[in-house]
Amino acid sequence: MTADLYNLKNEKVGTVELPERVFGARWNAVLVKQVLIAQQANARDPWAHAKDRSEVRGGGKKPWRQKGTGRARHGSTRSPLWVGGGKAHGPRNERDYSQKVNKKMKRLALFTVLSRKLADGEVKVFDGLRLEAPKTKALASALAPMLEMKKNMKRYDVLLVPAAGEKNLFRASTNLAKAKTIDAASLNLEDLLNHRHLFLDKEAVALIDRHYRISK
């Protein structure tokens, strides 16, 4: 399959061949949802942590003798029953939220989303997605007409995938709201679904085809 090829002035300069297996996959909503949930779960950091009775400070001495006082038996003032004691059944940071998804499922879900975005007209391929200098203003002025942004709009909503070794684009896009630059080998569902537009360098297309091989 072929797609139009553009320059940074948004002028059509030719066509480019796109790999059918990457950009011609059938839509599979169930698979996309499963892989997306797994990706988000695997990135989850269980920071919430409640100290149990072994972690709170103090409580080394038995508060009173076992028998003869008429009071209930206690061995420590750091029991969950006491004020200042440990927390019973609280959140623990040892919890593992990760989910297992095999490589073929990840790749197929990625191809599914790329194919859907291409069919919806949200993918553009450029003959040279690069900047001479890491200038945010230069990138913003180039992206605004291509995204058909109205005056005073500040959300660019685009994912940029340059050729290997392009550093200026990474630095220039840092200060643009909802604009992100990512390596071709680091494509993932969350970034693709969080950005409406996908701008690819023609060399990045070849890198995607080589990196995401089913046989790997």
C-alpha atoms as a PDB file:
ATOM      1  CA  MET A   1       0.000   0.000   0.000  1.00  0.00           C
ATOM      2  CA  THR A   2       1.116   3.568  -0.644  1.00  0.00           C
ATOM      3  CA  ALA A   3       0.647   6.886   1.148  1.00  0.00           C
ATOM      4  CA  ASP A   4       1.328  10.486   0.272  1.00  0.00           C
ATOM      5  CA  LEU A   5       4.707  11.906   1.235  1.00  0.00           C
ATOM      6  CA  TYR A   6       4.944  15.467   2.580  1.00  0.00           C
ATOM      7  CA  ASN A   7       7.596  17.990   3.544  1.00  0.00           C
ATOM      8  CA  LEU A   8       7.498  20.245   6.608  1.00  0.00           C
ATOM      9  CA  LYS A   9       5.746  22.929   4.538  1.00  0.00           C
ATOM     10  CA  ASN A  10       2.818  20.496   4.229  1.00  0.00           C
ATOM     11  CA  GLU A  11       3.436  20.134   0.490  1.00  0.00           C
ATOM     12  CA  LYS A  12       3.011  16.781  -1.204  1.00  0.00           C
ATOM     13  CA  VAL A  13       6.356  15.699  -2.668  1.00  0.00           C
ATOM     14  CA  GLY A  14       5.636  12.102  -3.680  1.00  0.00           C
ATOM     15  CA  THR A  15       4.472   8.772  -2.326  1.00  0.00           C
ATOM     16  CA  VAL A  16       5.899   6.182   0.037  1.00  0.00           C
ATOM     17  CA  GLU A  17       5.334   2.443   0.308  1.00  0.00           C
ATOM     18  CA  LEU A  18       3.838   1.265   3.617  1.00  0.00           C
ATOM     19  CA  PRO A  19       4.151  -2.347   4.827  1.00  0.00           C
ATOM     20  CA  GLU A  20       0.813  -4.109   4.510  1.00  0.00           C
ATOM     21  CA  ARG A  21       1.244  -6.194   7.666  1.00  0.00           C
ATOM     22  CA  VAL A  22       1.806  -3.045   9.776  1.00  0.00           C
ATOM     23  CA  PHE A  23      -0.727  -0.635   8.276  1.00  0.00           C
ATOM     24  CA  GLY A  24      -3.261  -3.078   6.859  1.00  0.00           C
ATOM     25  CA  ALA A  25      -4.356  -5.013   9.960  1.00  0.00           C
ATOM     26  CA  ARG A  26      -8.016  -5.539  10.802  1.00  0.00           C
ATOM     27  CA  TRP A  27      -9.503  -3.667  13.766  1.00  0.00           C
ATOM     28  CA  ASN A  28      -9.705  -5.733  16.960  1.00  0.00           C
ATOM     29  CA  ALA A  29     -11.102  -3.681  19.843  1.00  0.00           C
ATOM     30  CA  VAL A  30     -10.932  -6.535  22.368  1.00  0.00           C
ATOM     31  CA  LEU A  31      -7.229  -7.101  21.748  1.00  0.00           C
ATOM     32  CA  VAL A  32      -6.418  -3.384  21.877  1.00  0.00           C
ATOM     33  CA  LYS A  33      -8.225  -3.007  25.203  1.00  0.00           C
ATOM     34  CA  GLN A  34      -6.493  -6.039  26.709  1.00  0.00           C
ATOM     35  CA  VAL A  35      -3.001  -4.918  25.705  1.00  0.00           C
ATOM     36  CA  LEU A  36      -3.659  -1.303  26.789  1.00  0.00           C
ATOM     37  CA  ILE A  37      -4.864  -2.372  30.241  1.00  0.00           C
ATOM     38  CA  ALA A  38      -1.822  -4.640  30.595  1.00  0.00           C
ATOM     39  CA  GLN A  39       0.545  -1.812  29.609  1.00  0.00           C
ATOM     40  CA  GLN A  40      -1.008   0.548  32.155  1.00  0.00           C
ATOM     41  CA  ALA A  41      -0.981  -2.141  34.855  1.00  0.00           C
ATOM     42  CA  ASN A  42       2.679  -2.959  34.210  1.00  0.00           C
ATOM     43  CA  ALA A  43       3.580   0.709  34.616  1.00  0.00           C
ATOM     44  CA  ARG A  44       1.673   1.007  37.889  1.00  0.00           C
ATOM     45  CA  ASP A  45       3.817   1.751  40.915  1.00  0.00           C
ATOM     46  CA  PRO A  46       2.118   0.712  44.186  1.00  0.00           C
ATOM     47  CA  TRP A  47       3.405   3.568  46.328  1.00  0.00           C
ATOM     48  CA  ALA A  48       0.564   3.452  48.899  1.00  0.00           C
ATOM     49  CA  HIS A  49       1.850   1.658  51.985  1.00  0.00           C
ATOM     50  CA  ALA A  50       0.460   1.339  55.505  1.00  0.00           C
ATOM     51  CA  LYS A  51       2.783   0.216  58.298  1.00  0.00           C
ATOM     52  CA  ASP A  52       1.793  -2.915  60.167  1.00  0.00           C
ATOM     53  CA  ARG A  53       2.570  -3.578  63.853  1.00  0.00           C
ATOM     54  CA  SER A  54       6.094  -4.756  63.079  1.00  0.00           C
ATOM     55  CA  GLU A  55       6.980  -1.488  61.303  1.00  0.00           C
ATOM     56  CA  VAL A  56       5.648   1.221  63.628  1.00  0.00           C
ATOM     57  CA  ARG A  57       7.990   2.641  66.242  1.00  0.00           C
ATOM     58  CA  GLY A  58       7.767   1.601  69.912  1.00  0.00           C
ATOM     59  CA  GLY A  59       5.746  -1.084  71.636  1.00  0.00           C
ATOM     60  CA  GLY A  60       8.654  -3.153  72.828  1.00  0.00           C
ATOM     61  CA  LYS A  61       7.489  -3.400  76.422  1.00  0.00           C
ATOM     62  CA  LYS A  62       4.405  -5.294  77.564  1.00  0.00           C
ATOM     63  CA  PRO A  63       2.005  -2.559  78.795  1.00  0.00           C
ATOM     64  CA  TRP A  64       1.027  -4.467  81.973  1.00  0.00           C
ATOM     65  CA  ARG A  65       1.356  -7.901  83.437  1.00  0.00           C
ATOM     66  CA  GLN A  66      -0.597 -10.774  81.987  1.00  0.00           C
ATOM     67  CA  LYS A  67      -2.805 -11.562  84.994  1.00  0.00           C
ATOM     68  CA  GLY A  68      -4.194  -9.926  88.073  1.00  0.00           C
ATOM     69  CA  THR A  69      -5.036  -6.433  86.796  1.00  0.00           C
ATOM     70  CA  GLY A  70      -8.606  -7.097  85.664  1.00  0.00           C
ATOM     71  CA  ARG A  71      -7.779  -5.654  82.250  1.00  0.00           C
ATOM     72  CA  ALA A  72      -7.585  -7.374  78.889  1.00  0.00           C
ATOM     73  CA  ARG A  73      -4.360  -9.119  77.970  1.00  0.00           C
ATOM     74  CA  HIS A  74      -1.987  -7.115  75.727  1.00  0.00           C
ATOM     75  CA  GLY A  75       1.541  -7.783  74.651  1.00  0.00           C
ATOM     76  CA  SER A  76       2.284  -4.513  72.820  1.00  0.00           C
ATOM     77  CA  THR A  77       0.955  -0.983  72.525  1.00  0.00           C
ATOM     78  CA  ARG A  78       1.522  -1.167  68.758  1.00  0.00           C
ATOM     79  CA  SER A  79      -1.286  -3.622  68.115  1.00  0.00           C
ATOM     80  CA  PRO A  80      -3.878  -2.383  65.553  1.00  0.00           C
ATOM     81  CA  LEU A  81      -6.273  -2.095  68.517  1.00  0.00           C
ATOM     82  CA  TRP A  82      -4.242   0.741  70.025  1.00  0.00           C
ATOM     83  CA  VAL A  83      -3.950   4.389  69.039  1.00  0.00           C
ATOM     84  CA  GLY A  84      -0.553   4.732  67.405  1.00  0.00           C
ATOM     85  CA  GLY A  85      -0.482   1.061  66.554  1.00  0.00           C
ATOM     86  CA  GLY A  86       0.014  -0.605  63.190  1.00  0.00           C
ATOM     87  CA  LYS A  87      -2.624  -0.661  60.470  1.00  0.00           C
ATOM     88  CA  ALA A  88      -4.487  -3.914  59.886  1.00  0.00           C
ATOM     89  CA  HIS A  89      -5.213  -4.864  56.259  1.00  0.00           C
ATOM     90  CA  GLY A  90      -3.935  -1.560  54.844  1.00  0.00           C
ATOM     91  CA  PRO A  91      -2.433  -1.059  51.352  1.00  0.00           C
ATOM     92  CA  ARG A  92       1.021  -2.583  50.860  1.00  0.00           C
ATOM     93  CA  ASN A  93       3.671  -1.600  48.340  1.00  0.00           C
ATOM     94  CA  GLU A  94       4.602  -5.236  47.717  1.00  0.00           C
ATOM     95  CA  ARG A  95       1.482  -5.748  45.609  1.00  0.00           C
ATOM     96  CA  ASP A  96       2.161  -6.750  42.013  1.00  0.00           C
ATOM     97  CA  TYR A  97      -0.285  -5.380  39.416  1.00  0.00           C
ATOM     98  CA  SER A  98       1.583  -6.640  36.339  1.00  0.00           C
ATOM     99  CA  GLN A  99      -0.177  -8.615  33.628  1.00  0.00           C
ATOM    100  CA  LYS A 100       1.308 -11.035  31.118  1.00  0.00           C
ATOM    101  CA  VAL A 101       0.797 -10.322  27.414  1.00  0.00           C
ATOM    102  CA  ASN A 102       2.862 -12.146  24.799  1.00  0.00           C
ATOM    103  CA  LYS A 103       4.855 -10.386  22.073  1.00  0.00           C
ATOM    104  CA  LYS A 104       2.589 -11.382  19.194  1.00  0.00           C
ATOM    105  CA  MET A 105      -0.437  -9.876  20.927  1.00  0.00           C
ATOM    106  CA  LYS A 106       1.452  -6.631  21.605  1.00  0.00           C
ATOM    107  CA  ARG A 107       2.586  -6.335  17.992  1.00  0.00           C
ATOM    108  CA  LEU A 108      -0.824  -7.153  16.550  1.00  0.00           C
ATOM    109  CA  ALA A 109      -2.498  -4.597  18.826  1.00  0.00           C
ATOM    110  CA  LEU A 110       0.064  -2.004  17.745  1.00  0.00           C
ATOM    111  CA  PHE A 111      -0.507  -2.797  14.060  1.00  0.00           C
ATOM    112  CA  THR A 112      -4.268  -2.636  14.631  1.00  0.00           C
ATOM    113  CA  VAL A 113      -4.098   0.898  16.023  1.00  0.00           C
ATOM    114  CA  LEU A 114      -1.634   2.071  13.330  1.00  0.00           C
ATOM    115  CA  SER A 115      -3.935   0.680  10.634  1.00  0.00           C
ATOM    116  CA  ARG A 116      -6.997   2.332  12.156  1.00  0.00           C
ATOM    117  CA  LYS A 117      -5.272   5.708  12.413  1.00  0.00           C
ATOM    118  CA  LEU A 118      -4.144   5.448   8.776  1.00  0.00           C
ATOM    119  CA  ALA A 119      -7.686   4.595   7.667  1.00  0.00           C
ATOM    120  CA  ASP A 120      -9.028   7.573   9.637  1.00  0.00           C
ATOM    121  CA  GLY A 121      -6.577   9.942   7.943  1.00  0.00           C
ATOM    122  CA  GLU A 122      -4.609  10.631  11.126  1.00  0.00           C
ATOM    123  CA  VAL A 123      -1.216   9.446   9.836  1.00  0.00           C
ATOM    124  CA  LYS A 124       1.166  11.596   7.793  1.00  0.00           C
ATOM    125  CA  VAL A 125       4.533  10.521   6.402  1.00  0.00           C
ATOM    126  CA  PHE A 126       7.294  13.089   5.799  1.00  0.00           C
ATOM    127  CA  ASP A 127      10.376  12.938   3.638  1.00  0.00           C
ATOM    128  CA  GLY A 128      12.367  14.592   6.427  1.00  0.00           C
ATOM    129  CA  LEU A 129      10.840  15.016   9.869  1.00  0.00           C
ATOM    130  CA  ARG A 130      13.761  16.938  11.339  1.00  0.00           C
ATOM    131  CA  LEU A 131      14.827  20.391  12.513  1.00  0.00           C
ATOM    132  CA  GLU A 132      18.046  22.267  11.910  1.00  0.00           C
ATOM    133  CA  ALA A 133      18.044  23.496  15.510  1.00  0.00           C
ATOM    134  CA  PRO A 134      16.140  22.467  18.671  1.00  0.00           C
ATOM    135  CA  LYS A 135      13.767  25.440  18.522  1.00  0.00           C
ATOM    136  CA  THR A 136      10.260  25.030  19.915  1.00  0.00           C
ATOM    137  CA  LYS A 137       9.017  28.073  17.995  1.00  0.00           C
ATOM    138  CA  ALA A 138      10.160  26.614  14.664  1.00  0.00           C
ATOM    139  CA  LEU A 139       8.404  23.320  15.362  1.00  0.00           C
ATOM    140  CA  ALA A 140       5.228  25.039  16.542  1.00  0.00           C
ATOM    141  CA  SER A 141       5.011  27.175  13.405  1.00  0.00           C
ATOM    142  CA  ALA A 142       5.470  24.075  11.235  1.00  0.00           C
ATOM    143  CA  LEU A 143       2.879  21.965  13.060  1.00  0.00           C
ATOM    144  CA  ALA A 144       0.112  24.565  13.429  1.00  0.00           C
ATOM    145  CA  PRO A 145      -1.006  24.666   9.755  1.00  0.00           C
ATOM    146  CA  MET A 146      -0.701  20.894   9.356  1.00  0.00           C
ATOM    147  CA  LEU A 147      -2.948  20.312  12.367  1.00  0.00           C
ATOM    148  CA  GLU A 148      -5.358  23.027  11.199  1.00  0.00           C
ATOM    149  CA  MET A 149      -5.071  24.748  14.553  1.00  0.00           C
ATOM    150  CA  LYS A 150      -7.147  27.847  15.166  1.00  0.00           C
ATOM    151  CA  LYS A 151      -5.709  31.035  16.608  1.00  0.00           C
ATOM    152  CA  ASN A 152      -4.683  30.835  20.287  1.00  0.00           C
ATOM    153  CA  MET A 153      -5.029  27.042  20.374  1.00  0.00           C
ATOM    154  CA  LYS A 154      -2.209  25.563  22.454  1.00  0.00           C
ATOM    155  CA  ARG A 155      -2.794  21.792  22.337  1.00  0.00           C
ATOM    156  CA  TYR A 156      -1.015  20.235  19.382  1.00  0.00           C
ATOM    157  CA  ASP A 157      -2.194  16.634  19.955  1.00  0.00           C
ATOM    158  CA  VAL A 158       0.447  14.939  17.805  1.00  0.00           C
ATOM    159  CA  LEU A 159       2.903  12.074  18.204  1.00  0.00           C
ATOM    160  CA  LEU A 160       6.139  12.575  16.257  1.00  0.00           C
ATOM    161  CA  VAL A 161       8.285   9.625  15.171  1.00  0.00           C
ATOM    162  CA  PRO A 162      11.544  10.849  13.565  1.00  0.00           C
ATOM    163  CA  ALA A 163      14.403   8.919  11.992  1.00  0.00           C
ATOM    164  CA  ALA A 164      17.091   7.427  14.207  1.00  0.00           C
ATOM    165  CA  GLY A 165      19.540   9.934  15.679  1.00  0.00           C
ATOM    166  CA  GLU A 166      17.263  12.978  15.405  1.00  0.00           C
ATOM    167  CA  LYS A 167      17.708  14.816  18.729  1.00  0.00           C
ATOM    168  CA  ASN A 168      16.516  18.324  17.851  1.00  0.00           C
ATOM    169  CA  LEU A 169      12.920  17.204  17.475  1.00  0.00           C
ATOM    170  CA  PHE A 170      12.904  15.639  20.944  1.00  0.00           C
ATOM    171  CA  ARG A 171      14.118  18.860  22.555  1.00  0.00           C
ATOM    172  CA  ALA A 172      11.879  21.156  20.510  1.00  0.00           C
ATOM    173  CA  SER A 173       8.671  19.238  21.282  1.00  0.00           C
ATOM    174  CA  THR A 174       9.228  19.170  25.049  1.00  0.00           C
ATOM    175  CA  ASN A 175       7.499  22.523  25.633  1.00  0.00           C
ATOM    176  CA  LEU A 176       4.543  21.923  23.306  1.00  0.00           C
ATOM    177  CA  ALA A 177       1.321  20.881  25.019  1.00  0.00           C
ATOM    178  CA  LYS A 178       0.084  17.414  23.955  1.00  0.00           C
ATOM    179  CA  ALA A 179       3.007  16.998  21.529  1.00  0.00           C
ATOM    180  CA  LYS A 180       5.443  14.152  22.075  1.00  0.00           C
ATOM    181  CA  THR A 181       8.414  12.735  20.181  1.00  0.00           C
ATOM    182  CA  ILE A 182       9.178   9.032  20.452  1.00  0.00           C
ATOM    183  CA  ASP A 183      11.607   6.554  18.874  1.00  0.00           C
ATOM    184  CA  ALA A 184      10.243   4.156  16.267  1.00  0.00           C
ATOM    185  CA  ALA A 185      11.359   1.227  18.424  1.00  0.00           C
ATOM    186  CA  SER A 186       9.422   2.598  21.423  1.00  0.00           C
ATOM    187  CA  LEU A 187       5.941   2.841  19.907  1.00  0.00           C
ATOM    188  CA  ASN A 188       3.233   1.794  22.327  1.00  0.00           C
ATOM    189  CA  LEU A 189      -0.553   1.758  22.503  1.00  0.00           C
ATOM    190  CA  GLU A 190      -0.967   4.361  25.229  1.00  0.00           C
ATOM    191  CA  ASP A 191       0.952   7.042  23.336  1.00  0.00           C
ATOM    192  CA  LEU A 192      -0.785   6.216  20.054  1.00  0.00           C
ATOM    193  CA  LEU A 193      -4.243   6.378  21.606  1.00  0.00           C
ATOM    194  CA  ASN A 194      -3.494   9.521  23.633  1.00  0.00           C
ATOM    195  CA  HIS A 195      -2.542  11.508  20.518  1.00  0.00           C
ATOM    196  CA  ARG A 196      -4.895  11.982  17.612  1.00  0.00           C
ATOM    197  CA  HIS A 197      -2.305  12.649  14.904  1.00  0.00           C
ATOM    198  CA  LEU A 198       0.740  10.538  14.076  1.00  0.00           C
ATOM    199  CA  PHE A 199       3.575  12.096  12.043  1.00  0.00           C
ATOM    200  CA  LEU A 200       6.201   9.674  10.752  1.00  0.00           C
ATOM    201  CA  ASP A 201       9.530  10.160   9.045  1.00  0.00           C
ATOM    202  CA  LYS A 202       9.786   7.885   5.994  1.00  0.00           C
ATOM    203  CA  GLU A 203      12.888   6.302   7.528  1.00  0.00           C
ATOM    204  CA  ALA A 204      10.925   5.611  10.717  1.00  0.00           C
ATOM    205  CA  VAL A 205       8.432   3.575   8.684  1.00  0.00           C
ATOM    206  CA  ALA A 206      11.238   1.218   7.635  1.00  0.00           C
ATOM    207  CA  LEU A 207      12.496   1.075  11.236  1.00  0.00           C
ATOM    208  CA  ILE A 208       9.043   0.093  12.483  1.00  0.00           C
ATOM    209  CA  ASP A 209       8.803  -2.628   9.865  1.00  0.00           C
ATOM    210  CA  ARG A 210      12.209  -4.058  10.843  1.00  0.00           C
ATOM    211  CA  HIS A 211      11.826  -3.747  14.611  1.00  0.00           C
ATOM    212  CA  TYR A 212       8.367  -5.262  15.019  1.00  0.00           C
ATOM    213  CA  ARG A 213       8.964  -8.542  13.263  1.00  0.00           C
ATOM    214  CA  ILE A 214       6.574 -11.372  14.113  1.00  0.00           C
ATOM    215  CA  SER A 215       9.443 -13.863  13.959  1.00  0.00           C
ATOM    216  CA  LYS A 216      11.427 -12.097  16.726  1.00  0.00           C
END
